[in-house]
Amino acid sequence: VELGAGCGLVGLSAGALGAASIMLTDLAYVLPILESNLENNRSVLQGAGCHDAMCCLLDWFHPEVFKKAQQKKSIDVLVVADCVWMHDLVEPLFTTIQQIADANTLILISYQQRGRSTH
């Protein structure tokens, strides 16, 4: 699962490198481009053995909606790639991670510190 996927580069790369399934998540306004990128790369993903690829809405301020939709499916790997640019997003991000991950989830986070008003 990729949180704050944007264009989906990290999640799509995971699928192209052999992840059996990927889920790209972001806010509603991002989903059209994310879904387009997924469809444009579906043959590459399937060729690499990734036959379960989807995009899902996940609002960090309301992660319980996503968790309910998942119906207790466990997440093996959770990636967050440079998607926190405002300090106000740090707490919702970590709350979301706590709510959707479990003790067996590998969590990978990349981060670039920006100016004073951003984290």
Protein backbone atom coordinates (compact mmCIF):
# COMPACT_ATOMS: atom_id res chain seq x y z
CA VAL A 1 0.00 0.00 0.00
CA GLU A 2 1.30 3.43 -0.95
CA LEU A 3 -0.03 6.37 1.08
CA GLY A 4 -0.30 9.74 -0.64
CA ALA A 5 0.64 8.09 -3.93
CA GLY A 6 0.28 11.18 -6.12
CA CYS A 7 1.16 9.89 -9.59
CA GLY A 8 1.83 6.41 -8.16
CA LEU A 9 5.51 6.14 -9.06
CA VAL A 10 6.60 4.23 -5.95
CA GLY A 11 3.66 1.82 -5.86
CA LEU A 12 3.78 1.18 -9.60
CA SER A 13 7.52 0.57 -9.34
CA ALA A 14 6.92 -1.97 -6.58
CA GLY A 15 4.47 -3.79 -8.85
CA ALA A 16 6.85 -3.65 -11.82
CA LEU A 17 9.57 -5.12 -9.59
CA GLY A 18 7.42 -8.09 -8.63
CA ALA A 19 5.04 -7.19 -5.80
CA ALA A 20 2.07 -9.55 -6.17
CA SER A 21 -0.42 -6.80 -5.35
CA ILE A 22 -0.36 -3.04 -4.98
CA MET A 23 -2.80 -0.47 -3.68
CA LEU A 24 -2.23 3.19 -4.50
CA THR A 25 -4.04 5.61 -2.19
CA ASP A 26 -4.65 9.33 -2.20
CA LEU A 27 -7.35 12.00 -2.00
CA ALA A 28 -10.31 12.08 -4.40
CA TYR A 29 -8.93 14.86 -6.59
CA VAL A 30 -5.79 12.80 -7.29
CA LEU A 31 -7.51 9.51 -8.13
CA PRO A 32 -8.21 10.23 -11.83
CA ILE A 33 -4.51 10.66 -12.72
CA LEU A 34 -3.55 7.82 -10.40
CA GLU A 35 -6.07 5.48 -12.04
CA SER A 36 -4.92 6.58 -15.50
CA ASN A 37 -1.29 5.83 -14.63
CA LEU A 38 -2.29 2.46 -13.25
CA GLU A 39 -4.20 1.53 -16.42
CA ASN A 40 -1.36 2.76 -18.64
CA ASN A 41 1.04 0.46 -16.78
CA ARG A 42 -1.23 -2.54 -16.18
CA SER A 43 0.46 -4.73 -18.84
CA VAL A 44 3.89 -4.04 -17.30
CA LEU A 45 2.54 -4.93 -13.85
CA GLN A 46 0.93 -8.14 -15.07
CA GLY A 47 4.10 -9.09 -16.91
CA ALA A 48 5.98 -8.75 -13.62
CA GLY A 49 3.45 -10.92 -11.78
CA CYS A 50 1.41 -8.14 -10.18
CA HIS A 51 -2.16 -9.22 -10.92
CA ASP A 52 -3.90 -7.30 -8.13
CA ALA A 53 -3.48 -3.55 -8.60
CA MET A 54 -5.94 -0.87 -7.55
CA CYS A 55 -6.40 2.74 -6.52
CA CYS A 56 -8.33 3.70 -3.39
CA LEU A 57 -9.45 6.84 -1.65
CA LEU A 58 -7.66 7.40 1.65
CA ASP A 59 -8.07 10.66 3.52
CA TRP A 60 -5.64 10.82 6.46
CA PHE A 61 -8.18 12.84 8.39
CA HIS A 62 -10.69 9.98 8.06
CA PRO A 63 -8.68 6.73 7.85
CA GLU A 64 -11.49 4.75 9.50
CA VAL A 65 -13.38 4.80 6.16
CA PHE A 66 -10.47 3.06 4.43
CA LYS A 67 -9.99 0.61 7.27
CA LYS A 68 -13.66 -0.38 7.18
CA ALA A 69 -13.49 -0.89 3.39
CA GLN A 70 -10.42 -3.12 3.81
CA GLN A 71 -12.38 -5.54 6.00
CA LYS A 72 -9.39 -6.50 8.12
CA LYS A 73 -7.06 -7.38 5.24
CA SER A 74 -3.52 -7.15 6.53
CA ILE A 75 -0.95 -4.90 4.87
CA ASP A 76 2.47 -6.47 4.29
CA VAL A 77 4.32 -3.33 3.19
CA LEU A 78 3.30 0.31 3.61
CA VAL A 79 5.24 3.00 1.74
CA VAL A 80 5.13 6.76 2.17
CA ALA A 81 7.28 8.65 -0.32
CA ASP A 82 7.78 12.39 0.21
CA CYS A 83 4.14 13.26 0.76
CA VAL A 84 4.27 15.39 3.90
CA TRP A 85 4.92 19.00 2.99
CA MET A 86 3.02 20.73 5.81
CA HIS A 87 3.50 20.22 9.53
CA ASP A 88 -0.28 19.81 9.98
CA LEU A 89 -0.14 16.55 7.97
CA VAL A 90 2.36 14.74 10.21
CA GLU A 91 -0.10 13.79 12.96
CA PRO A 92 -2.86 12.60 10.56
CA LEU A 93 -0.28 10.56 8.62
CA PHE A 94 0.93 8.77 11.74
CA THR A 95 -2.61 8.28 13.01
CA THR A 96 -3.48 6.70 9.66
CA ILE A 97 -0.45 4.42 9.81
CA GLN A 98 -1.39 3.33 13.34
CA GLN A 99 -4.94 2.57 12.27
CA ILE A 100 -4.25 0.60 9.09
CA ALA A 101 -0.94 -1.15 9.83
CA ASP A 102 -0.33 -3.96 12.29
CA ALA A 103 2.70 -5.42 14.06
CA ASN A 104 3.67 -7.40 10.93
CA THR A 105 3.56 -4.46 8.50
CA LEU A 106 6.90 -3.27 7.12
CA ILE A 107 6.67 0.54 7.00
CA LEU A 108 9.01 2.48 4.69
CA ILE A 109 8.98 6.28 4.82
CA SER A 110 11.06 8.72 2.78
CA TYR A 111 11.03 12.33 3.78
CA GLN A 112 12.54 15.63 2.69
CA GLN A 113 12.60 18.44 5.23
CA ARG A 114 11.51 21.73 3.74
CA GLY A 115 11.15 25.30 5.09
CA ARG A 116 10.01 26.40 8.55
CA SER A 117 6.29 26.04 7.79
CA THR A 118 6.72 22.56 6.37
CA HIS A 119 7.96 19.24 7.67
